[in-house]
C-alpha atoms as a PDB file:
ATOM      1  CA  MET A   1       0.000   0.000   0.000  1.00  0.00           C
ATOM      2  CA  ARG A   2       1.389   3.335  -1.030  1.00  0.00           C
ATOM      3  CA  LYS A   3       1.946   5.845   1.758  1.00  0.00           C
ATOM      4  CA  ILE A   4       0.512   9.335   1.232  1.00  0.00           C
ATOM      5  CA  ARG A   5       3.036  12.029   1.902  1.00  0.00           C
ATOM      6  CA  PHE A   6       2.506  15.767   2.164  1.00  0.00           C
ATOM      7  CA  SER A   7       4.652  18.167   0.251  1.00  0.00           C
ATOM      8  CA  MET A   8       6.447  21.071   1.958  1.00  0.00           C
ATOM      9  CA  ILE A   9       4.032  23.466   0.277  1.00  0.00           C
ATOM     10  CA  GLU A  10       1.035  21.680   1.806  1.00  0.00           C
ATOM     11  CA  ILE A  11       2.661  21.580   5.244  1.00  0.00           C
ATOM     12  CA  THR A  12       3.521  25.287   4.996  1.00  0.00           C
ATOM     13  CA  LEU A  13      -0.053  26.168   4.024  1.00  0.00           C
ATOM     14  CA  ALA A  14      -1.437  24.096   6.917  1.00  0.00           C
ATOM     15  CA  LEU A  15       0.876  25.803   9.397  1.00  0.00           C
ATOM     16  CA  LEU A  16      -0.082  29.172   7.945  1.00  0.00           C
ATOM     17  CA  ILE A  17      -3.796  28.450   8.463  1.00  0.00           C
ATOM     18  CA  VAL A  18      -3.164  27.302  12.046  1.00  0.00           C
ATOM     19  CA  ALA A  19      -1.060  30.401  12.733  1.00  0.00           C
ATOM     20  CA  ILE A  20      -3.752  32.728  11.368  1.00  0.00           C
ATOM     21  CA  GLY A  21      -6.366  31.059  13.573  1.00  0.00           C
ATOM     22  CA  PHE A  22      -4.107  31.215  16.629  1.00  0.00           C
ATOM     23  CA  ILE A  23      -3.303  34.900  16.058  1.00  0.00           C
ATOM     24  CA  SER A  24      -7.006  35.676  15.660  1.00  0.00           C
ATOM     25  CA  ILE A  25      -7.791  33.957  18.965  1.00  0.00           C
ATOM     26  CA  MET A  26      -4.945  35.775  20.743  1.00  0.00           C
ATOM     27  CA  GLY A  27      -6.198  39.063  19.318  1.00  0.00           C
ATOM     28  CA  MET A  28      -9.603  38.498  20.909  1.00  0.00           C
ATOM     29  CA  LEU A  29      -8.185  37.985  24.428  1.00  0.00           C
ATOM     30  CA  PRO A  30      -7.675  41.726  25.158  1.00  0.00           C
ATOM     31  CA  ILE A  31     -11.232  42.408  23.953  1.00  0.00           C
ATOM     32  CA  GLY A  32     -12.550  39.693  26.264  1.00  0.00           C
ATOM     33  CA  THR A  33     -10.540  41.043  29.197  1.00  0.00           C
ATOM     34  CA  THR A  34     -11.787  44.585  28.570  1.00  0.00           C
ATOM     35  CA  THR A  35     -15.384  43.394  28.287  1.00  0.00           C
ATOM     36  CA  PHE A  36     -15.055  41.433  31.532  1.00  0.00           C
ATOM     37  CA  ASN A  37     -13.563  44.417  33.381  1.00  0.00           C
ATOM     38  CA  ASP A  38     -16.322  46.689  32.060  1.00  0.00           C
ATOM     39  CA  ALA A  39     -18.940  44.208  33.258  1.00  0.00           C
ATOM     40  CA  VAL A  40     -17.377  44.123  36.732  1.00  0.00           C
ATOM     41  CA  THR A  41     -17.216  47.915  37.064  1.00  0.00           C
ATOM     42  CA  ASN A  42     -20.746  48.365  35.721  1.00  0.00           C
ATOM     43  CA  ASN A  43     -22.021  45.797  38.190  1.00  0.00           C
ATOM     44  CA  ILE A  44     -20.251  47.472  41.122  1.00  0.00           C
ATOM     45  CA  SER A  45     -21.514  50.936  40.168  1.00  0.00           C
ATOM     46  CA  THR A  46     -25.096  49.717  39.705  1.00  0.00           C
ATOM     47  CA  ASN A  47     -25.153  47.806  42.997  1.00  0.00           C
ATOM     48  CA  SER A  48     -23.547  50.699  44.861  1.00  0.00           C
ATOM     49  CA  ALA A  49     -26.062  53.180  43.471  1.00  0.00           C
ATOM     50  CA  ASP A  50     -29.003  50.940  44.347  1.00  0.00           C
ATOM     51  CA  THR A  51     -27.724  50.413  47.885  1.00  0.00           C
ATOM     52  CA  LEU A  52     -27.032  54.111  48.435  1.00  0.00           C
ATOM     53  CA  LEU A  53     -30.350  55.273  47.035  1.00  0.00           C
ATOM     54  CA  HIS A  54     -32.308  53.018  49.336  1.00  0.00           C
ATOM     55  CA  TYR A  55     -30.058  53.871  52.266  1.00  0.00           C
ATOM     56  CA  PHE A  56     -30.931  57.542  51.869  1.00  0.00           C
ATOM     57  CA  GLU A  57     -34.580  56.608  51.413  1.00  0.00           C
ATOM     58  CA  ASP A  58     -34.543  54.784  54.747  1.00  0.00           C
ATOM     59  CA  LEU A  59     -32.625  57.664  56.325  1.00  0.00           C
ATOM     60  CA  ALA A  60     -35.267  60.108  55.107  1.00  0.00           C
ATOM     61  CA  GLN A  61     -38.054  58.085  56.700  1.00  0.00           C
ATOM     62  CA  GLN A  62     -36.198  58.095  60.002  1.00  0.00           C
ATOM     63  CA  SER A  63     -35.406  61.800  59.839  1.00  0.00           C
ATOM     64  CA  TRP A  64     -36.812  63.724  56.890  1.00  0.00           C
ATOM     65  CA  SER A  65     -34.803  66.817  57.784  1.00  0.00           C
ATOM     66  CA  SER A  66     -31.547  64.886  57.235  1.00  0.00           C
ATOM     67  CA  ILE A  67     -32.158  65.053  53.466  1.00  0.00           C
ATOM     68  CA  TYR A  68     -32.025  68.862  53.638  1.00  0.00           C
ATOM     69  CA  SER A  69     -28.296  68.618  54.366  1.00  0.00           C
ATOM     70  CA  LEU A  70     -27.649  67.330  50.841  1.00  0.00           C
ATOM     71  CA  PRO A  71     -26.767  69.954  48.201  1.00  0.00           C
ATOM     72  CA  THR A  72     -29.490  71.092  45.793  1.00  0.00           C
ATOM     73  CA  GLU A  73     -27.195  70.738  42.770  1.00  0.00           C
ATOM     74  CA  PRO A  74     -24.102  68.694  41.884  1.00  0.00           C
ATOM     75  CA  THR A  75     -21.082  69.793  43.885  1.00  0.00           C
ATOM     76  CA  ASP A  76     -18.689  71.869  41.795  1.00  0.00           C
ATOM     77  CA  ILE A  77     -15.518  69.786  41.415  1.00  0.00           C
ATOM     78  CA  SER A  78     -13.686  72.217  39.105  1.00  0.00           C
ATOM     79  CA  SER A  79     -10.710  74.310  40.173  1.00  0.00           C
ATOM     80  CA  SER A  80     -13.083  77.106  41.147  1.00  0.00           C
ATOM     81  CA  GLY A  81     -14.970  74.705  43.424  1.00  0.00           C
ATOM     82  CA  GLN A  82     -13.628  71.716  45.353  1.00  0.00           C
ATOM     83  CA  ASP A  83     -10.830  71.210  42.783  1.00  0.00           C
ATOM     84  CA  LEU A  84     -11.521  67.474  42.653  1.00  0.00           C
ATOM     85  CA  ASP A  85     -11.530  66.996  38.887  1.00  0.00           C
ATOM     86  CA  THR A  86      -8.043  65.522  38.645  1.00  0.00           C
ATOM     87  CA  ASN A  87      -6.748  65.971  42.200  1.00  0.00           C
ATOM     88  CA  LEU A  88      -9.218  63.594  43.798  1.00  0.00           C
ATOM     89  CA  ALA A  89      -7.301  60.415  43.006  1.00  0.00           C
ATOM     90  CA  LYS A  90      -4.031  61.886  44.275  1.00  0.00           C
ATOM     91  CA  ILE A  91      -5.429  62.056  47.795  1.00  0.00           C
ATOM     92  CA  SER A  92      -4.890  58.740  49.551  1.00  0.00           C
ATOM     93  CA  ILE A  93      -7.910  56.892  50.836  1.00  0.00           C
ATOM     94  CA  ASP A  94      -5.991  56.655  54.118  1.00  0.00           C
ATOM     95  CA  ASN A  95      -6.009  60.446  54.447  1.00  0.00           C
ATOM     96  CA  THR A  96      -8.636  60.667  57.197  1.00  0.00           C
ATOM     97  CA  THR A  97      -8.567  64.477  57.125  1.00  0.00           C
ATOM     98  CA  ASP A  98     -10.177  64.619  53.690  1.00  0.00           C
ATOM     99  CA  TRP A  99     -11.621  61.113  53.335  1.00  0.00           C
ATOM    100  CA  LYS A 100     -13.814  59.679  56.065  1.00  0.00           C
ATOM    101  CA  GLN A 101     -15.446  56.281  56.048  1.00  0.00           C
ATOM    102  CA  PHE A 102     -19.180  56.578  55.552  1.00  0.00           C
ATOM    103  CA  ASP A 103     -20.403  53.606  57.579  1.00  0.00           C
ATOM    104  CA  ALA A 104     -17.949  50.834  58.367  1.00  0.00           C
ATOM    105  CA  SER A 105     -20.644  48.232  58.990  1.00  0.00           C
ATOM    106  CA  ASP A 106     -22.987  48.888  56.050  1.00  0.00           C
ATOM    107  CA  PHE A 107     -20.594  50.522  53.547  1.00  0.00           C
ATOM    108  CA  PRO A 108     -16.986  49.486  54.244  1.00  0.00           C
ATOM    109  CA  ASN A 109     -15.885  50.668  50.780  1.00  0.00           C
ATOM    110  CA  LEU A 110     -17.616  54.066  50.779  1.00  0.00           C
ATOM    111  CA  TYR A 111     -15.964  57.322  51.846  1.00  0.00           C
ATOM    112  CA  TYR A 112     -17.193  60.905  51.902  1.00  0.00           C
ATOM    113  CA  TRP A 113     -15.237  64.044  51.152  1.00  0.00           C
ATOM    114  CA  GLN A 114     -14.454  66.160  54.238  1.00  0.00           C
ATOM    115  CA  SER A 115     -18.045  66.218  55.523  1.00  0.00           C
ATOM    116  CA  ASN A 116     -21.112  64.042  55.081  1.00  0.00           C
ATOM    117  CA  THR A 117     -22.984  67.008  53.599  1.00  0.00           C
ATOM    118  CA  SER A 118     -20.484  67.716  50.792  1.00  0.00           C
ATOM    119  CA  GLY A 119     -22.398  65.521  48.358  1.00  0.00           C
ATOM    120  CA  VAL A 120     -19.124  63.936  47.158  1.00  0.00           C
ATOM    121  CA  TYR A 121     -18.359  60.307  47.897  1.00  0.00           C
ATOM    122  CA  ARG A 122     -15.820  57.750  46.787  1.00  0.00           C
ATOM    123  CA  ILE A 123     -16.373  54.029  46.170  1.00  0.00           C
ATOM    124  CA  PHE A 124     -13.132  52.125  46.602  1.00  0.00           C
ATOM    125  CA  GLU A 125     -13.355  48.373  45.954  1.00  0.00           C
ATOM    126  CA  GLN A 126     -10.292  46.198  46.520  1.00  0.00           C
ATOM    127  CA  VAL A 127      -9.752  42.437  46.409  1.00  0.00           C
ATOM    128  CA  LEU A 128      -7.090  40.607  48.407  1.00  0.00           C
ATOM    129  CA  THR A 129      -4.921  38.728  45.904  1.00  0.00           C
ATOM    130  CA  ASP A 130      -1.635  37.965  47.709  1.00  0.00           C
ATOM    131  CA  THR A 131      -1.726  37.389  51.472  1.00  0.00           C
ATOM    132  CA  SER A 132       2.033  36.877  51.692  1.00  0.00           C
ATOM    133  CA  SER A 133       3.000  40.205  50.105  1.00  0.00           C
ATOM    134  CA  THR A 134       3.834  43.230  52.246  1.00  0.00           C
ATOM    135  CA  ASN A 135       3.515  45.537  49.250  1.00  0.00           C
ATOM    136  CA  GLN A 136       0.013  47.054  49.264  1.00  0.00           C
ATOM    137  CA  ALA A 137      -0.039  47.411  45.481  1.00  0.00           C
ATOM    138  CA  ARG A 138       0.676  43.700  45.058  1.00  0.00           C
ATOM    139  CA  LYS A 139      -1.364  42.506  48.018  1.00  0.00           C
ATOM    140  CA  TYR A 140      -4.597  44.092  46.788  1.00  0.00           C
ATOM    141  CA  ARG A 141      -6.146  44.511  43.357  1.00  0.00           C
ATOM    142  CA  THR A 142      -8.354  47.555  42.835  1.00  0.00           C
ATOM    143  CA  ASP A 143     -11.569  46.505  41.092  1.00  0.00           C
ATOM    144  CA  PHE A 144     -13.290  49.881  41.247  1.00  0.00           C
ATOM    145  CA  ASP A 145     -12.364  53.421  42.229  1.00  0.00           C
ATOM    146  CA  GLY A 146     -15.032  55.965  41.382  1.00  0.00           C
ATOM    147  CA  MET A 147     -16.602  59.216  42.520  1.00  0.00           C
ATOM    148  CA  VAL A 148     -20.245  59.723  43.458  1.00  0.00           C
ATOM    149  CA  ARG A 149     -22.060  63.046  43.505  1.00  0.00           C
ATOM    150  CA  ILE A 150     -25.413  63.161  45.277  1.00  0.00           C
ATOM    151  CA  TRP A 151     -27.874  66.029  45.293  1.00  0.00           C
ATOM    152  CA  ARG A 152     -31.550  66.562  46.012  1.00  0.00           C
ATOM    153  CA  GLU A 153     -34.224  68.171  43.892  1.00  0.00           C
ATOM    154  CA  ASN A 154     -37.726  69.417  44.574  1.00  0.00           C
ATOM    155  CA  VAL A 155     -40.561  67.506  42.946  1.00  0.00           C
ATOM    156  CA  MET A 156     -43.316  69.679  41.504  1.00  0.00           C
ATOM    157  CA  ILE A 157     -46.824  68.299  40.999  1.00  0.00           C
ATOM    158  CA  TYR A 158     -49.525  70.035  39.018  1.00  0.00           C
ATOM    159  CA  ASP A 159     -52.979  69.918  40.561  1.00  0.00           C
ATOM    160  CA  TYR A 160     -55.549  70.015  37.739  1.00  0.00           C
ATOM    161  CA  ALA A 161     -58.418  70.461  40.177  1.00  0.00           C
ATOM    162  CA  THR A 162     -57.073  73.768  41.457  1.00  0.00           C
ATOM    163  CA  SER A 163     -54.893  74.638  38.448  1.00  0.00           C
ATOM    164  CA  SER A 164     -51.928  75.104  40.749  1.00  0.00           C
ATOM    165  CA  THR A 165     -48.534  73.570  41.367  1.00  0.00           C
ATOM    166  CA  ASP A 166     -47.345  71.923  44.537  1.00  0.00           C
ATOM    167  CA  ASN A 167     -43.674  71.413  45.408  1.00  0.00           C
ATOM    168  CA  ASN A 168     -44.025  70.606  49.086  1.00  0.00           C
ATOM    169  CA  VAL A 169     -40.562  69.423  50.109  1.00  0.00           C
ATOM    170  CA  ASP A 170     -41.955  68.118  53.375  1.00  0.00           C
ATOM    171  CA  GLN A 171     -43.798  65.387  51.479  1.00  0.00           C
ATOM    172  CA  ARG A 172     -41.545  64.323  48.609  1.00  0.00           C
ATOM    173  CA  MET A 173     -38.012  64.742  47.323  1.00  0.00           C
ATOM    174  CA  LYS A 174     -35.974  63.533  44.374  1.00  0.00           C
ATOM    175  CA  LEU A 175     -32.474  62.129  44.965  1.00  0.00           C
ATOM    176  CA  ASN A 176     -29.993  62.256  42.087  1.00  0.00           C
ATOM    177  CA  PHE A 177     -26.845  60.168  41.860  1.00  0.00           C
ATOM    178  CA  GLU A 178     -23.942  60.454  39.447  1.00  0.00           C
ATOM    179  CA  ILE A 179     -21.203  57.821  39.470  1.00  0.00           C
ATOM    180  CA  SER A 180     -18.045  58.411  37.416  1.00  0.00           C
ATOM    181  CA  TRP A 181     -14.968  56.238  36.984  1.00  0.00           C
ATOM    182  CA  PRO A 182     -12.068  55.616  36.872  1.00  0.00           C
ATOM    183  CA  ILE A 183     -11.195  58.291  39.367  1.00  0.00           C
ATOM    184  CA  THR A 184      -7.661  58.562  37.976  1.00  0.00           C
ATOM    185  CA  ALA A 185      -9.013  60.011  34.719  1.00  0.00           C
ATOM    186  CA  PRO A 186     -10.092  63.654  34.281  1.00  0.00           C
ATOM    187  CA  PHE A 187     -13.798  64.049  34.985  1.00  0.00           C
ATOM    188  CA  ALA A 188     -14.700  64.770  31.348  1.00  0.00           C
ATOM    189  CA  GLU A 189     -13.124  61.483  30.218  1.00  0.00           C
ATOM    190  CA  ARG A 190     -14.681  59.172  32.807  1.00  0.00           C
ATOM    191  CA  LYS A 191     -17.509  56.753  32.259  1.00  0.00           C
ATOM    192  CA  LYS A 192     -20.672  57.962  33.966  1.00  0.00           C
ATOM    193  CA  GLN A 193     -23.971  56.534  35.114  1.00  0.00           C
ATOM    194  CA  TYR A 194     -26.932  58.496  36.462  1.00  0.00           C
ATOM    195  CA  TYR A 195     -29.675  57.360  38.799  1.00  0.00           C
ATOM    196  CA  SER A 196     -32.586  59.062  40.497  1.00  0.00           C
ATOM    197  CA  LEU A 197     -35.254  58.120  43.009  1.00  0.00           C
ATOM    198  CA  VAL A 198     -38.324  60.039  44.149  1.00  0.00           C
ATOM    199  CA  ILE A 199     -38.989  59.410  47.822  1.00  0.00           C
ATOM    200  CA  TYR A 200     -42.229  60.143  49.632  1.00  0.00           C
ATOM    201  CA  ARG A 201     -42.530  60.851  53.295  1.00  0.00           C
ATOM    202  CA  HIS A 202     -44.485  58.239  55.172  1.00  0.00           C
ATOM    203  CA  GLU A 203     -47.237  59.376  57.443  1.00  0.00           C
ATOM    204  CA  ASP A 204     -46.226  59.314  61.108  1.00  0.00           C
END
């Protein structure tokens, strides 16, 4: 029986096809990694916003006046305001003068800027990756580092029966959230998500 042999040209073509397929697969790995990282950060931002919104809703029901301490518009982070556009990330999370932990039990990864009424918060998510390392950068991996701006807004209702408007802040309020990341990027270049929730005061 005659043995079938492949010529060098055929072998070369086969290797070329395999190489093209391998290179294509390798080229998709960075896209997959980027997509995975985007999914993680989107998930963290969405969960954080949902948790915070309902935290403030519960806080309002306990003490409605506490919502009045929030700003009525987004805090100015430009150089003429808090100057947090690009300087925010340079300030260590361990700097307790500027960054204070919001609530260690409920929100261990949430910090507020200088005072709880500033309307500026920071979500800092880290994962322990190397327990043996003494280097903080190697010991922990930062999954998310973003800024949150929170402000309140009056809710106006039109009464058709009396042809008048009602914006009674003692009965309802709108909370607005803006989450932007990564915090190391200038504000204009960050990814952003916006959320809002209208809360109503429960009858005592």
